[in-house]
Protein backbone atom coordinates (compact mmCIF):
# COMPACT_ATOMS: atom_id res chain seq x y z
CA UNK A 1 -32.64 -38.38 -3.00
CA UNK A 2 -33.69 -34.73 -2.77
CA UNK A 3 -34.40 -35.09 0.93
CA UNK A 4 -30.99 -36.62 1.59
CA UNK A 5 -29.23 -33.88 -0.38
CA UNK A 6 -31.22 -31.18 1.42
CA UNK A 7 -30.35 -32.63 4.83
CA UNK A 8 -26.67 -32.80 3.85
CA UNK A 9 -26.54 -29.20 2.66
CA UNK A 10 -28.25 -27.88 5.78
CA UNK A 11 -26.48 -30.13 8.27
CA UNK A 12 -24.93 -28.36 11.24
CA UNK A 13 -21.60 -29.74 12.46
CA UNK A 14 -22.18 -28.67 16.04
CA UNK A 15 -23.73 -26.15 18.37
CA UNK A 16 -21.41 -23.40 19.61
CA UNK A 17 -21.43 -22.41 23.23
CA UNK A 18 -20.99 -18.84 24.42
CA UNK A 19 -17.53 -19.82 25.67
CA UNK A 20 -16.49 -21.08 22.23
CA UNK A 21 -17.72 -17.92 20.53
CA UNK A 22 -16.00 -15.63 23.02
CA UNK A 23 -12.76 -17.60 22.70
CA UNK A 24 -12.75 -17.15 18.95
CA UNK A 25 -13.35 -13.42 19.17
CA UNK A 26 -10.80 -12.90 21.93
CA UNK A 27 -8.09 -14.68 19.94
CA UNK A 28 -9.09 -12.75 16.81
CA UNK A 29 -8.93 -9.48 18.75
CA UNK A 30 -5.47 -10.26 20.13
CA UNK A 31 -4.14 -11.18 16.69
CA UNK A 32 -5.86 -8.11 15.24
CA UNK A 33 -3.97 -5.94 17.72
CA UNK A 34 -0.75 -7.67 16.62
CA UNK A 35 -1.59 -6.72 13.03
CA UNK A 36 -2.33 -3.17 14.21
CA UNK A 37 1.08 -2.88 15.89
CA UNK A 38 2.85 -4.38 12.90
CA UNK A 39 1.24 -1.90 10.49
CA UNK A 40 1.93 1.03 12.82
CA UNK A 41 5.65 0.35 13.18
CA UNK A 42 6.37 -0.93 9.67
CA UNK A 43 4.54 1.87 7.84
CA UNK A 44 6.93 3.96 5.73
CA UNK A 45 4.58 5.95 3.52
CA UNK A 46 3.92 9.66 3.48
CA UNK A 47 0.68 9.83 5.49
CA UNK A 48 -0.18 7.27 8.17
CA UNK A 49 -3.92 6.49 8.37
CA UNK A 50 -4.99 5.48 11.88
CA UNK A 51 -8.53 4.85 10.64
CA UNK A 52 -7.30 2.31 8.08
CA UNK A 53 -5.25 0.60 10.78
CA UNK A 54 -8.28 0.34 13.08
CA UNK A 55 -10.31 -1.03 10.16
CA UNK A 56 -7.79 -3.89 9.90
CA UNK A 57 -8.72 -5.02 13.42
CA UNK A 58 -12.41 -4.70 12.56
CA UNK A 59 -11.87 -6.74 9.40
CA UNK A 60 -10.31 -9.52 11.46
CA UNK A 61 -13.32 -9.61 13.79
CA UNK A 62 -15.81 -9.48 10.93
CA UNK A 63 -14.08 -12.37 9.15
CA UNK A 64 -14.23 -14.36 12.38
CA UNK A 65 -17.94 -13.59 12.70
CA UNK A 66 -18.65 -14.70 9.14
CA UNK A 67 -16.70 -17.95 9.47
CA UNK A 68 -18.34 -18.71 12.83
CA UNK A 69 -21.76 -18.42 11.20
CA UNK A 70 -20.85 -20.43 8.13
CA UNK A 71 -18.81 -23.19 9.76
CA UNK A 72 -19.05 -26.28 7.56
CA UNK A 73 -22.59 -25.52 6.42
CA UNK A 74 -22.41 -25.74 2.64
CA UNK A 75 -25.77 -24.05 2.10
CA UNK A 76 -24.76 -21.02 4.17
CA UNK A 77 -21.37 -20.81 2.47
CA UNK A 78 -22.94 -20.83 -0.99
CA UNK A 79 -25.44 -18.18 0.08
CA UNK A 80 -22.65 -16.02 1.54
CA UNK A 81 -20.65 -16.26 -1.70
CA UNK A 82 -23.70 -15.19 -3.65
CA UNK A 83 -24.37 -12.28 -1.31
CA UNK A 84 -20.77 -11.03 -1.33
CA UNK A 85 -20.48 -11.33 -5.12
CA UNK A 86 -22.68 -8.24 -5.56
CA UNK A 87 -20.48 -6.09 -3.30
CA UNK A 88 -18.08 -3.73 -5.08
CA UNK A 89 -15.21 -2.20 -3.14
CA UNK A 90 -14.05 1.02 -4.80
CA UNK A 91 -11.62 2.25 -2.15
CA UNK A 92 -8.24 2.82 -3.80
CA UNK A 93 -5.30 1.07 -2.15
CA UNK A 94 -2.32 3.40 -2.53
CA UNK A 95 0.30 1.05 -1.12
CA UNK A 96 0.50 -2.51 -2.43
CA UNK A 97 1.55 -3.65 1.05
CA UNK A 98 -1.84 -2.55 2.39
CA UNK A 99 -3.38 -5.31 0.30
CA UNK A 100 -1.16 -7.84 2.06
CA UNK A 101 -2.41 -6.59 5.43
CA UNK A 102 -6.01 -6.92 4.27
CA UNK A 103 -5.45 -10.54 3.24
CA UNK A 104 -3.63 -11.15 6.52
CA UNK A 105 -6.69 -9.95 8.46
CA UNK A 106 -9.04 -12.08 6.40
CA UNK A 107 -6.82 -15.17 6.81
CA UNK A 108 -6.62 -14.69 10.59
CA UNK A 109 -10.39 -14.23 10.77
CA UNK A 110 -10.97 -17.43 8.80
CA UNK A 111 -8.58 -19.40 11.03
CA UNK A 112 -10.17 -18.07 14.22
CA UNK A 113 -13.65 -18.68 12.85
CA UNK A 114 -12.90 -22.40 12.47
CA UNK A 115 -10.90 -22.60 15.73
CA UNK A 116 -7.54 -23.07 14.02
CA UNK A 117 -5.80 -20.90 16.62
CA UNK A 118 -2.38 -22.51 16.23
CA UNK A 119 -2.28 -21.83 12.49
CA UNK A 120 -3.41 -18.26 13.04
CA UNK A 121 -0.87 -17.65 15.81
CA UNK A 122 2.15 -19.16 14.07
CA UNK A 123 1.29 -17.55 10.75
CA UNK A 124 0.80 -14.14 12.36
CA UNK A 125 4.11 -14.44 14.20
CA UNK A 126 5.98 -15.21 10.97
CA UNK A 127 4.29 -12.35 9.09
CA UNK A 128 4.82 -9.97 12.01
CA UNK A 129 8.58 -10.56 12.06
CA UNK A 130 8.82 -10.46 8.27
CA UNK A 131 6.99 -7.14 7.94
CA UNK A 132 8.90 -5.55 10.81
CA UNK A 133 12.21 -6.49 9.18
CA UNK A 134 11.39 -5.58 5.61
CA UNK A 135 9.06 -2.73 6.51
CA UNK A 136 12.09 -0.74 7.65
CA UNK A 137 13.66 -0.99 4.19
CA UNK A 138 13.65 2.43 2.61
CA UNK A 139 11.96 2.93 -0.72
CA UNK A 140 14.11 3.72 -3.70
CA UNK A 141 11.81 6.34 -5.19
CA UNK A 142 12.17 7.56 -8.73
CA UNK A 143 11.74 11.28 -9.35
CA UNK A 144 10.79 13.43 -12.32
CA UNK A 145 12.29 16.88 -12.80
CA UNK A 146 9.87 18.96 -14.87
CA UNK A 147 11.21 22.21 -16.35
CA UNK A 148 9.18 24.66 -18.46
CA UNK A 149 10.58 27.75 -20.11
CA UNK A 150 11.33 29.65 -23.28
CA UNK A 151 12.83 27.75 -26.19
CA UNK A 152 15.84 30.07 -26.14
CA UNK A 153 16.81 28.56 -22.75
CA UNK A 154 16.88 25.01 -24.07
CA UNK A 155 20.65 24.57 -24.20
CA UNK A 156 21.14 26.36 -20.88
CA UNK A 157 18.68 24.05 -19.13
CA UNK A 158 20.35 20.92 -20.48
CA UNK A 159 23.77 22.22 -19.51
CA UNK A 160 22.78 23.08 -15.93
CA UNK A 161 20.98 19.78 -15.34
CA UNK A 162 23.86 17.80 -16.84
CA UNK A 163 26.40 19.70 -14.73
CA UNK A 164 24.39 19.29 -11.53
CA UNK A 165 23.89 15.52 -11.93
CA UNK A 166 27.23 14.72 -13.66
CA UNK A 167 25.46 13.98 -16.96
CA UNK A 168 23.50 11.12 -15.36
CA UNK A 169 20.03 12.63 -15.70
CA UNK A 170 18.00 11.08 -18.52
CA UNK A 171 15.67 13.11 -20.69
CA UNK A 172 12.38 11.22 -20.84
CA UNK A 173 10.22 13.85 -22.53
CA UNK A 174 11.07 16.94 -24.57
CA UNK A 175 8.20 19.06 -25.85
CA UNK A 176 8.75 22.21 -27.89
CA UNK A 177 5.99 24.38 -29.37
CA UNK A 178 5.15 28.07 -29.82
CA UNK A 179 8.52 29.23 -28.56
CA UNK A 180 8.25 27.23 -25.34
CA UNK A 181 9.98 24.06 -24.19
CA UNK A 182 9.21 21.45 -21.56
CA UNK A 183 11.67 18.90 -20.18
CA UNK A 184 11.03 15.85 -18.04
CA UNK A 185 14.21 14.33 -16.57
CA UNK A 186 14.26 10.94 -14.83
CA UNK A 187 16.18 10.94 -11.55
CA UNK A 188 16.84 8.40 -8.83
CA UNK A 189 16.94 9.05 -5.10
CA UNK A 190 20.64 8.18 -5.05
CA UNK A 191 21.35 10.78 -7.75
CA UNK A 192 19.52 13.47 -5.79
CA UNK A 193 21.32 12.63 -2.56
CA UNK A 194 24.75 12.65 -4.21
CA UNK A 195 24.06 15.92 -6.03
CA UNK A 196 22.87 17.67 -2.87
CA UNK A 197 26.10 16.77 -1.10
CA UNK A 198 28.21 18.27 -3.89
CA UNK A 199 26.20 21.46 -4.46
CA UNK A 200 25.25 24.20 -2.05
CA UNK A 201 21.95 24.98 -3.79
CA UNK A 202 19.18 22.66 -4.94
CA UNK A 203 18.56 22.00 -8.61
CA UNK A 204 15.18 23.71 -8.30
CA UNK A 205 16.71 26.96 -7.06
CA UNK A 206 19.42 26.87 -9.71
CA UNK A 207 16.98 26.36 -12.57
CA UNK A 208 14.59 29.01 -11.27
CA UNK A 209 17.38 31.57 -11.35
CA UNK A 210 17.97 31.02 -15.07
CA UNK A 211 16.61 33.52 -17.58
CA UNK A 212 13.75 32.08 -19.57
CA UNK A 213 12.79 29.36 -17.07
CA UNK A 214 9.14 29.71 -16.10
CA UNK A 215 8.43 26.74 -13.81
CA UNK A 216 10.34 23.91 -12.13
CA UNK A 217 8.82 20.89 -10.37
CA UNK A 218 10.42 17.91 -8.65
CA UNK A 219 7.86 15.11 -8.38
CA UNK A 220 8.17 11.55 -7.11
CA UNK A 221 6.36 8.60 -8.66
CA UNK A 222 3.90 8.43 -5.77
CA UNK A 223 2.74 11.96 -6.61
CA UNK A 224 4.53 13.59 -3.72
CA UNK A 225 5.88 17.04 -4.57
CA UNK A 226 9.15 17.60 -2.78
CA UNK A 227 9.50 21.25 -3.58
């Protein structure tokens, strides 16, 4: 019984020729370039990373390599799972859509590694069109207006912010201590755009000109400082 189980676990489903291996890697490379183009033209973040984009193509090829080695060999697949379980990836993914691209690369590599080229091609075509269409959608960022100053300027700050944004700005945080005050107002991108059209000066310049105001910051949720 042990011999039969051992032979089953180590059974090879077939011997790959050089032509088969090259075909898998060529298809994976072509689809990896498609992923590269899709990420390049659908990216809408602050800083585009060409190195991350190139790593997506490499990830597709590596996944193809792994699946070509494993095939349907259960023993190799179990050993690969055990080996990869000790790996810890600590690279922070800033954009949630980057995770989708990573899974796309892995899925394409798996399909190419088992010669499922039709599934990989059709799936990549659908994802390519989807990401190109919805990648052009602008983000509706939320902003925080942070104002620090003397406590005597409290009413003046609230009045100026309310006047500038037509009383639509929401006070999220109000800290007052030792004669100083700190405000955090929640703003939307639409509110900022509408206010800029109606006023000649920005809210930052207006608040900075007030007596008692020490610092003004306009920060988006993705930690980008606009001014």
